[in-house]
N, C-alpha and C. Protein backbone atom coordinates (compact mmCIF):
# COMPACT_ATOMS: atom_id res chain seq x y z
N MET A 1 0.78 -1.25 0.08
CA MET A 1 0.08 -0.04 0.00
C MET A 1 0.84 1.21 0.04
N LYS A 2 1.97 1.20 0.75
CA LYS A 2 2.85 2.29 0.90
C LYS A 2 3.63 2.57 -0.45
N ARG A 3 3.87 1.55 -1.24
CA ARG A 3 4.54 1.67 -2.54
C ARG A 3 3.57 2.30 -3.48
N PHE A 4 2.26 1.91 -3.51
CA PHE A 4 1.27 2.36 -4.37
C PHE A 4 1.06 3.84 -4.24
N LEU A 5 1.06 4.19 -2.78
CA LEU A 5 0.83 5.68 -2.54
C LEU A 5 2.02 6.57 -2.94
N MET A 6 3.23 6.03 -2.84
CA MET A 6 4.43 6.75 -3.37
C MET A 6 4.33 6.80 -4.77
N PHE A 7 4.00 5.91 -5.50
CA PHE A 7 3.95 5.82 -6.93
C PHE A 7 2.81 6.83 -7.47
N ALA A 8 1.68 6.80 -6.78
CA ALA A 8 0.62 7.83 -7.15
C ALA A 8 1.03 9.26 -7.03
N VAL A 9 1.82 9.42 -5.78
CA VAL A 9 2.14 10.86 -5.50
C VAL A 9 3.29 11.26 -6.56
N SER A 10 4.19 10.32 -6.88
CA SER A 10 5.28 10.77 -7.79
C SER A 10 4.81 11.03 -9.21
N CYS A 11 3.70 10.31 -9.68
CA CYS A 11 3.16 10.52 -10.93
C CYS A 11 2.45 11.75 -10.90
N THR A 12 1.70 12.06 -9.92
CA THR A 12 1.02 13.38 -9.83
C THR A 12 1.93 14.50 -9.94
N ALA A 13 3.12 14.42 -9.19
CA ALA A 13 4.08 15.46 -9.21
C ALA A 13 4.64 15.63 -10.57
N MET A 14 4.95 14.71 -11.31
CA MET A 14 5.39 14.72 -12.67
C MET A 14 4.47 15.26 -13.63
N VAL A 15 3.20 14.92 -13.50
CA VAL A 15 2.23 15.63 -14.38
C VAL A 15 2.10 17.11 -14.02
N ALA A 16 2.09 17.45 -12.77
CA ALA A 16 1.95 18.86 -12.33
C ALA A 16 3.03 19.65 -12.96
N LEU A 17 4.27 19.11 -12.88
CA LEU A 17 5.32 19.84 -13.26
C LEU A 17 5.42 19.99 -14.87
N ALA A 18 4.84 19.17 -15.45
CA ALA A 18 4.89 19.05 -17.08
C ALA A 18 3.66 20.00 -17.49
N LEU A 19 2.82 20.27 -16.83
CA LEU A 19 1.56 21.10 -17.42
C LEU A 19 1.96 22.52 -17.87
N PRO A 20 2.81 23.31 -17.24
CA PRO A 20 3.10 24.59 -17.79
C PRO A 20 3.87 24.57 -18.95
N ALA A 21 4.70 23.44 -19.30
CA ALA A 21 5.37 23.25 -20.49
C ALA A 21 4.34 23.14 -21.68
N LEU A 22 3.39 22.43 -21.43
CA LEU A 22 2.43 22.11 -22.45
C LEU A 22 1.59 23.22 -22.85
N ALA A 23 1.48 24.34 -21.98
CA ALA A 23 0.70 25.44 -22.19
C ALA A 23 1.49 26.64 -23.07
N GLN A 24 2.81 26.36 -23.19
CA GLN A 24 3.66 27.34 -23.95
C GLN A 24 3.52 27.11 -25.47
N THR A 25 3.59 28.22 -26.13
CA THR A 25 3.68 28.15 -27.59
C THR A 25 5.07 27.73 -28.14
N PRO A 26 5.07 27.14 -29.30
CA PRO A 26 6.34 26.52 -29.81
C PRO A 26 7.13 27.62 -30.20
N LYS A 27 8.38 27.46 -30.26
CA LYS A 27 9.48 28.50 -30.73
C LYS A 27 9.17 28.89 -32.21
N GLY A 28 9.31 30.17 -32.42
CA GLY A 28 9.18 30.69 -33.72
C GLY A 28 7.72 30.60 -34.46
N GLY A 29 6.88 30.03 -33.66
CA GLY A 29 5.53 29.87 -34.12
C GLY A 29 4.59 30.84 -33.49
N LYS A 30 3.47 31.04 -34.07
CA LYS A 30 2.54 31.95 -33.54
C LYS A 30 1.68 31.10 -32.56
N ALA A 31 1.03 31.82 -31.73
CA ALA A 31 -0.11 31.27 -30.78
C ALA A 31 -1.13 30.70 -31.55
N PRO A 32 -1.82 29.61 -31.21
CA PRO A 32 -2.97 29.19 -31.99
C PRO A 32 -4.07 30.13 -31.90
N ALA A 33 -4.82 30.44 -32.99
CA ALA A 33 -5.88 31.35 -32.99
C ALA A 33 -6.83 30.85 -32.18
N PRO A 34 -7.67 31.79 -31.36
CA PRO A 34 -8.74 31.41 -30.63
C PRO A 34 -9.92 31.05 -31.42
N ALA A 35 -10.61 30.12 -30.98
CA ALA A 35 -11.89 29.59 -31.67
C ALA A 35 -12.92 30.77 -31.68
N GLY A 36 -13.65 30.91 -32.73
CA GLY A 36 -14.79 32.03 -32.78
C GLY A 36 -15.70 31.65 -31.94
N LYS A 37 -16.53 32.62 -31.59
CA LYS A 37 -17.90 32.38 -30.80
C LYS A 37 -18.76 31.48 -31.47
N ALA A 38 -19.74 30.85 -30.81
CA ALA A 38 -20.69 30.03 -31.36
C ALA A 38 -21.53 30.87 -32.31
N GLY A 39 -21.79 30.44 -33.50
CA GLY A 39 -22.64 31.16 -34.47
C GLY A 39 -21.73 31.96 -35.37
N GLU A 40 -20.48 32.17 -35.17
CA GLU A 40 -19.67 32.95 -36.27
C GLU A 40 -19.29 32.08 -37.26
N GLY A 41 -19.24 32.57 -38.46
CA GLY A 41 -18.92 31.74 -39.69
C GLY A 41 -17.36 31.60 -39.73
N LYS A 42 -16.59 32.70 -39.35
CA LYS A 42 -15.25 32.62 -39.57
C LYS A 42 -14.50 32.14 -38.20
N GLN A 43 -13.70 31.19 -38.25
CA GLN A 43 -12.97 30.81 -37.25
C GLN A 43 -11.47 31.08 -37.46
N GLY A 44 -10.73 31.53 -36.44
CA GLY A 44 -9.34 31.60 -36.53
C GLY A 44 -8.82 33.01 -37.11
N SER A 45 -9.73 33.92 -37.61
CA SER A 45 -9.45 35.08 -38.12
C SER A 45 -9.12 35.96 -36.96
N VAL A 46 -7.83 36.54 -36.74
CA VAL A 46 -7.49 37.32 -35.67
C VAL A 46 -6.82 38.69 -36.23
N LYS A 47 -7.36 39.84 -35.81
CA LYS A 47 -6.73 41.11 -36.24
C LYS A 47 -5.73 41.38 -35.21
N GLU A 48 -4.62 41.96 -35.83
CA GLU A 48 -3.49 42.25 -35.02
C GLU A 48 -3.38 43.77 -34.85
N LYS A 49 -3.04 44.20 -33.65
CA LYS A 49 -3.07 45.65 -33.34
C LYS A 49 -1.72 45.97 -33.17
N THR A 50 -1.12 47.09 -33.67
CA THR A 50 0.19 47.56 -33.43
C THR A 50 0.12 48.92 -32.78
N PHE A 51 0.88 49.16 -31.70
CA PHE A 51 0.89 50.45 -31.12
C PHE A 51 2.22 51.01 -31.33
N ASP A 52 2.30 52.41 -31.77
CA ASP A 52 3.41 53.07 -32.07
C ASP A 52 3.68 54.18 -31.10
N PHE A 53 4.83 54.00 -30.36
CA PHE A 53 5.17 55.06 -29.26
C PHE A 53 6.27 55.96 -29.73
N GLU A 54 6.56 55.95 -30.99
CA GLU A 54 7.84 56.64 -31.51
C GLU A 54 7.81 58.20 -31.25
N GLY A 55 6.69 58.74 -31.61
CA GLY A 55 6.65 60.31 -31.45
C GLY A 55 6.34 60.79 -29.99
N ASP A 56 5.96 59.85 -29.11
CA ASP A 56 5.67 60.31 -27.79
C ASP A 56 6.82 60.77 -26.98
N VAL A 57 6.75 61.91 -26.28
CA VAL A 57 7.76 62.40 -25.43
C VAL A 57 7.46 61.99 -23.88
N VAL A 58 8.38 61.30 -23.23
CA VAL A 58 8.10 60.85 -21.98
C VAL A 58 9.17 61.58 -20.96
N GLU A 59 8.64 62.49 -20.01
CA GLU A 59 9.36 63.16 -19.23
C GLU A 59 8.98 62.73 -17.73
N ALA A 60 9.99 62.69 -16.91
CA ALA A 60 9.79 62.42 -15.53
C ALA A 60 10.78 63.19 -14.58
N GLN A 61 10.42 63.48 -13.39
CA GLN A 61 11.24 64.12 -12.39
C GLN A 61 11.47 63.07 -11.35
N PHE A 62 12.72 63.08 -10.73
CA PHE A 62 12.87 62.07 -9.62
C PHE A 62 12.25 62.75 -8.39
N LEU A 63 11.28 61.91 -7.89
CA LEU A 63 10.49 62.41 -6.70
C LEU A 63 11.29 62.04 -5.38
N ARG A 64 11.54 63.08 -4.52
CA ARG A 64 12.18 62.86 -3.38
C ARG A 64 11.74 63.83 -2.28
N PRO A 65 11.88 63.65 -1.18
CA PRO A 65 11.34 64.64 -0.09
C PRO A 65 12.23 65.81 -0.14
N ASP A 66 11.44 67.01 0.02
CA ASP A 66 12.05 68.30 0.04
C ASP A 66 12.89 68.77 1.22
N GLN A 67 12.62 67.95 2.35
CA GLN A 67 13.25 68.29 3.58
C GLN A 67 14.21 67.16 3.90
N GLY A 68 15.17 67.46 4.89
CA GLY A 68 16.16 66.53 5.18
C GLY A 68 15.51 65.57 6.30
N VAL A 69 16.31 64.50 6.63
CA VAL A 69 15.85 63.39 7.46
C VAL A 69 16.15 63.95 8.99
N ALA A 70 15.27 63.77 9.68
CA ALA A 70 15.40 64.17 11.22
C ALA A 70 15.45 62.87 12.04
N GLU A 71 16.56 62.77 12.90
CA GLU A 71 16.77 61.75 13.78
C GLU A 71 16.16 62.05 15.12
N VAL A 72 15.57 61.08 15.67
CA VAL A 72 14.96 61.26 17.06
C VAL A 72 15.75 60.28 18.03
N VAL A 73 16.15 60.90 19.18
CA VAL A 73 16.71 60.15 20.16
C VAL A 73 15.63 59.97 21.26
N ARG A 74 15.29 58.67 21.51
CA ARG A 74 14.25 58.26 22.48
C ARG A 74 14.90 58.04 23.87
N LEU A 75 14.48 58.60 24.89
CA LEU A 75 15.00 58.46 26.14
C LEU A 75 14.33 57.25 26.82
N ASP A 76 14.92 56.70 27.78
CA ASP A 76 14.25 55.44 28.38
C ASP A 76 13.09 55.95 29.16
N GLU A 77 12.02 55.30 28.89
CA GLU A 77 10.65 55.66 29.38
C GLU A 77 10.55 54.76 30.65
N GLY A 78 9.94 55.42 31.64
CA GLY A 78 9.64 54.75 32.99
C GLY A 78 8.58 53.85 32.81
N PRO A 79 8.18 53.14 33.85
CA PRO A 79 6.97 52.18 33.83
C PRO A 79 5.57 53.08 33.55
N SER A 80 4.76 52.52 32.70
CA SER A 80 3.59 53.24 32.36
C SER A 80 2.54 53.06 33.50
N LEU A 81 1.65 54.07 33.72
CA LEU A 81 0.70 54.08 34.68
C LEU A 81 -0.61 53.42 34.13
N ILE A 82 -0.61 53.27 32.69
CA ILE A 82 -1.82 52.71 32.00
C ILE A 82 -1.57 51.34 31.80
N LYS A 83 -2.43 50.52 32.30
CA LYS A 83 -2.22 49.04 32.30
C LYS A 83 -3.31 48.46 31.36
N ASP A 84 -2.97 47.52 30.50
CA ASP A 84 -4.02 46.83 29.65
C ASP A 84 -4.76 45.80 30.47
N ARG A 85 -6.05 45.84 30.26
CA ARG A 85 -6.91 44.84 30.83
C ARG A 85 -6.92 43.62 29.97
N THR A 86 -6.78 42.47 30.51
CA THR A 86 -6.84 41.30 29.61
C THR A 86 -7.93 40.35 30.05
N ASP A 87 -8.62 40.69 31.22
CA ASP A 87 -9.67 39.72 31.60
C ASP A 87 -10.97 40.40 31.67
N PHE A 88 -11.95 40.08 30.72
CA PHE A 88 -13.24 40.82 30.65
C PHE A 88 -14.36 39.76 30.89
N VAL A 89 -14.08 38.72 31.57
CA VAL A 89 -15.09 37.61 31.89
C VAL A 89 -16.18 38.14 32.66
N ASP A 90 -16.00 38.90 33.73
CA ASP A 90 -17.12 39.40 34.51
C ASP A 90 -18.04 40.41 33.65
N GLU A 91 -17.49 41.24 32.76
CA GLU A 91 -18.30 42.12 32.08
C GLU A 91 -19.09 41.25 30.97
N ILE A 92 -18.46 40.35 30.45
CA ILE A 92 -19.31 39.46 29.58
C ILE A 92 -20.32 38.68 30.15
N LEU A 93 -20.15 38.20 31.29
CA LEU A 93 -21.36 37.57 32.09
C LEU A 93 -22.36 38.65 32.51
N LYS A 94 -21.97 39.74 32.82
CA LYS A 94 -23.10 40.69 33.10
C LYS A 94 -23.84 41.16 31.86
N SER A 95 -23.15 41.31 30.64
CA SER A 95 -23.90 41.72 29.56
C SER A 95 -24.79 40.54 29.00
N ALA A 96 -24.25 39.30 29.29
CA ALA A 96 -25.11 38.11 28.95
C ALA A 96 -26.36 37.96 29.75
N GLU A 97 -26.30 38.31 31.05
CA GLU A 97 -27.32 38.32 31.95
C GLU A 97 -28.42 39.36 31.61
N ASP A 98 -28.11 40.40 31.02
CA ASP A 98 -28.90 41.54 30.60
C ASP A 98 -29.64 41.15 29.38
N LEU A 99 -29.29 40.38 28.63
CA LEU A 99 -29.88 39.91 27.47
C LEU A 99 -31.13 39.10 27.81
């Protein structure tokens, strides 16, 4: 049983690793044309669009803060007078009794 389980897991891993390779297009070839919608007479006719960015001017400025970096020296803080409450069981029971 253990051998069968290891065989099944290894076969599943090999198939999972091979699936991305099957989805790639062949080198030098075009991607297969998508099938047309149901009811269309022409299948496989794909119009190619080309975008030309030759005449566009792209300008940018380096964005950085206008002011310098300020360093802060923190002094050792004493013990806080504010304590976080961690036990609210009494309040929960009181609100449950009110319902």
